[in-house]
Every structure is written in structure tokens, then in C-alpha cells.
Amino acid sequence: MRWLLVLLLFPLSAAACDYPDEGTMPLHRAVTKVKLLPETEAWAAELHKEGTVVQYALMLDREWRKDGRCYWTVEARAEGKTWRRFYVTPDGRRLLNADGRPPAREPRKAKASAEATAGAR
């Protein structure tokens, strides 16, 4: 009887991430966010040199919630083994590592100031 009450109060559809009305673009965007991370690109390039196939698996049935946001699970795999797991919001605006933190970003390259650029002309 308790389960019936719980299901009535919290329907299963409420547990799923909202899917943006953009066709398959959210799926492509989630995988691309992971694929284009510098660490993922380096890992994939190394494996490609060895002739290993790299795969990215987006699992909509393994959603994860943190700080009130819903995330899809994306795994980077090779030779049947998961290398890393990431979490991406359906809108693609947020990306987290398996530990729930944003991936480390590459340091920004220094840019010349406007004065230095003007003096070089």
C-alpha cells in the first residue's frame, strides 16, 4: 500500500530528465561535449594510433541528479571497458566528471594587450 502512495505522489515520469524539444540535437550535443574535452581528445588520439576503436555511450536510463539539476550519463569506452564517466545536462550547458566536479580546464593562453598589439603595427 505504501508503494502505491509513493507512486501516486511521485510518478516515474517525474524522475526522468526533461528532454529538450530539439530532435536528436541534445543527444549529439551531450556526446560532443565529452568528446571535445582536451583530456578525452588526447586519450582517444593515443588509442587511435594503436588501432583501438573508441566509443561514447549516452545512457538515458542512468540519469543523475545534483544540486537540483538532472544529468545524462556519457561514458567514454575502449575495448569494452569504461575509461571515464561524465554527466551532461540535457541542454549541454553543464558537464561534470564522475566525481561530480567540472572537468579541469586548459589554462587560457596569454593574449597581448591592445597597447602591445597596436604598437606592433
Protein backbone atom coordinates (compact mmCIF):
# COMPACT_ATOMS: atom_id res chain seq x y z
CA MET A 1 0.00 0.00 0.00
CA ARG A 2 2.88 2.38 0.76
CA TRP A 3 4.36 1.85 -2.71
CA LEU A 4 1.07 2.82 -4.32
CA LEU A 5 1.00 6.02 -2.30
CA VAL A 6 4.62 6.80 -3.23
CA LEU A 7 3.91 6.18 -6.94
CA LEU A 8 0.88 8.43 -6.83
CA LEU A 9 2.82 11.23 -5.15
CA PHE A 10 5.98 10.85 -7.26
CA PRO A 11 5.19 9.41 -10.69
CA LEU A 12 8.09 7.75 -12.53
CA SER A 13 7.93 10.24 -15.37
CA ALA A 14 8.81 13.00 -12.90
CA ALA A 15 12.12 11.25 -12.20
CA ALA A 16 13.31 11.49 -15.82
CA CYS A 17 15.26 14.46 -17.17
CA ASP A 18 13.24 16.79 -19.35
CA TYR A 19 14.15 16.20 -22.98
CA PRO A 20 14.59 19.49 -24.90
CA ASP A 21 12.34 19.75 -27.96
CA GLU A 22 15.26 19.86 -30.42
CA GLY A 23 15.05 16.50 -32.17
CA THR A 24 18.24 14.46 -31.72
CA MET A 25 20.44 17.54 -31.19
CA PRO A 26 20.57 17.14 -27.36
CA LEU A 27 21.91 13.60 -27.80
CA HIS A 28 24.63 14.71 -30.23
CA ARG A 29 25.47 17.72 -28.07
CA ALA A 30 25.92 15.61 -24.91
CA VAL A 31 28.33 13.21 -26.61
CA THR A 32 30.21 16.03 -28.35
CA LYS A 33 30.74 17.88 -25.05
CA VAL A 34 32.59 14.83 -23.72
CA LYS A 35 34.36 14.03 -26.99
CA LEU A 36 35.85 17.53 -27.31
CA LEU A 37 37.32 17.72 -23.80
CA PRO A 38 41.12 18.07 -24.13
CA GLU A 39 41.72 15.05 -21.87
CA THR A 40 39.28 12.93 -23.88
CA GLU A 41 40.75 14.02 -27.21
CA ALA A 42 44.27 13.11 -26.00
CA TRP A 43 43.10 9.71 -24.72
CA ALA A 44 41.22 8.95 -27.96
CA ALA A 45 44.15 10.07 -30.16
CA GLU A 46 46.53 7.75 -28.31
CA LEU A 47 44.19 4.80 -28.71
CA HIS A 48 43.55 5.56 -32.39
CA LYS A 49 47.30 5.41 -33.01
CA GLU A 50 47.24 1.88 -31.61
CA GLY A 51 44.28 0.98 -33.83
CA THR A 52 41.80 0.81 -30.96
CA VAL A 53 38.21 1.89 -31.53
CA VAL A 54 36.86 4.48 -29.10
CA GLN A 55 33.14 4.63 -28.32
CA TYR A 56 30.95 7.09 -26.48
CA ALA A 57 27.83 5.73 -24.81
CA LEU A 58 24.99 8.04 -23.81
CA MET A 59 22.74 6.30 -21.31
CA LEU A 60 19.41 7.98 -20.83
CA ASP A 61 18.34 5.30 -18.35
CA ARG A 62 21.17 6.26 -15.95
CA GLU A 63 20.22 9.81 -15.13
CA TRP A 64 21.86 11.52 -12.19
CA ARG A 65 20.79 14.50 -10.11
CA LYS A 66 22.98 17.02 -8.37
CA ASP A 67 22.07 20.41 -6.91
CA GLY A 68 18.57 20.17 -8.35
CA ARG A 69 19.78 19.51 -11.91
CA CYS A 70 19.30 16.40 -13.96
CA TYR A 71 22.29 14.95 -15.86
CA TRP A 72 22.61 12.29 -18.55
CA THR A 73 25.44 9.76 -18.23
CA VAL A 74 28.05 9.63 -21.00
CA GLU A 75 30.79 7.01 -20.88
CA ALA A 76 34.00 7.04 -22.91
CA ARG A 77 34.93 3.44 -23.71
CA ALA A 78 37.56 1.40 -25.46
CA GLU A 79 37.95 -2.36 -25.81
CA GLY A 80 34.75 -2.94 -23.84
CA LYS A 81 36.00 -1.04 -20.79
CA THR A 82 34.86 2.33 -19.48
CA TRP A 83 37.71 4.82 -19.35
CA ARG A 84 35.77 7.68 -17.76
CA ARG A 85 32.19 8.58 -16.94
CA PHE A 86 30.79 12.07 -17.36
CA TYR A 87 27.47 13.74 -16.66
CA VAL A 88 25.93 16.28 -19.05
CA THR A 89 22.74 18.29 -18.65
CA PRO A 90 20.25 17.77 -21.49
CA ASP A 91 20.72 21.39 -22.60
CA GLY A 92 24.50 20.81 -22.75
CA ARG A 93 25.34 23.77 -20.53
CA ARG A 94 26.86 21.79 -17.68
CA LEU A 95 29.37 18.96 -17.68
CA LEU A 96 30.67 17.06 -14.65
CA ASN A 97 33.24 14.31 -14.08
CA ALA A 98 32.28 11.08 -12.35
CA ASP A 99 33.19 12.71 -9.02
CA GLY A 100 30.59 15.43 -9.59
CA ARG A 101 33.01 18.27 -10.36
CA PRO A 102 33.52 20.17 -13.59
CA PRO A 103 36.45 18.84 -15.65
CA ALA A 104 39.71 20.75 -15.31
CA ARG A 105 40.04 23.37 -17.99
CA GLU A 106 43.13 24.03 -20.00
CA PRO A 107 44.86 27.24 -18.89
CA ARG A 108 43.96 30.13 -21.13
CA LYS A 109 46.64 31.29 -23.48
CA ALA A 110 48.00 34.73 -22.77
CA LYS A 111 46.84 37.38 -25.17
CA ALA A 112 48.70 40.52 -26.00
CA SER A 113 47.13 43.69 -24.64
CA ALA A 114 45.55 46.21 -27.00
CA GLU A 115 48.53 48.52 -26.50
CA ALA A 116 51.03 45.80 -27.41
CA THR A 117 49.00 44.84 -30.46
CA ALA A 118 48.73 48.48 -31.58
CA GLY A 119 52.48 49.03 -31.08
CA ALA A 120 53.31 46.03 -33.26
CA ARG A 121 51.54 47.53 -36.27
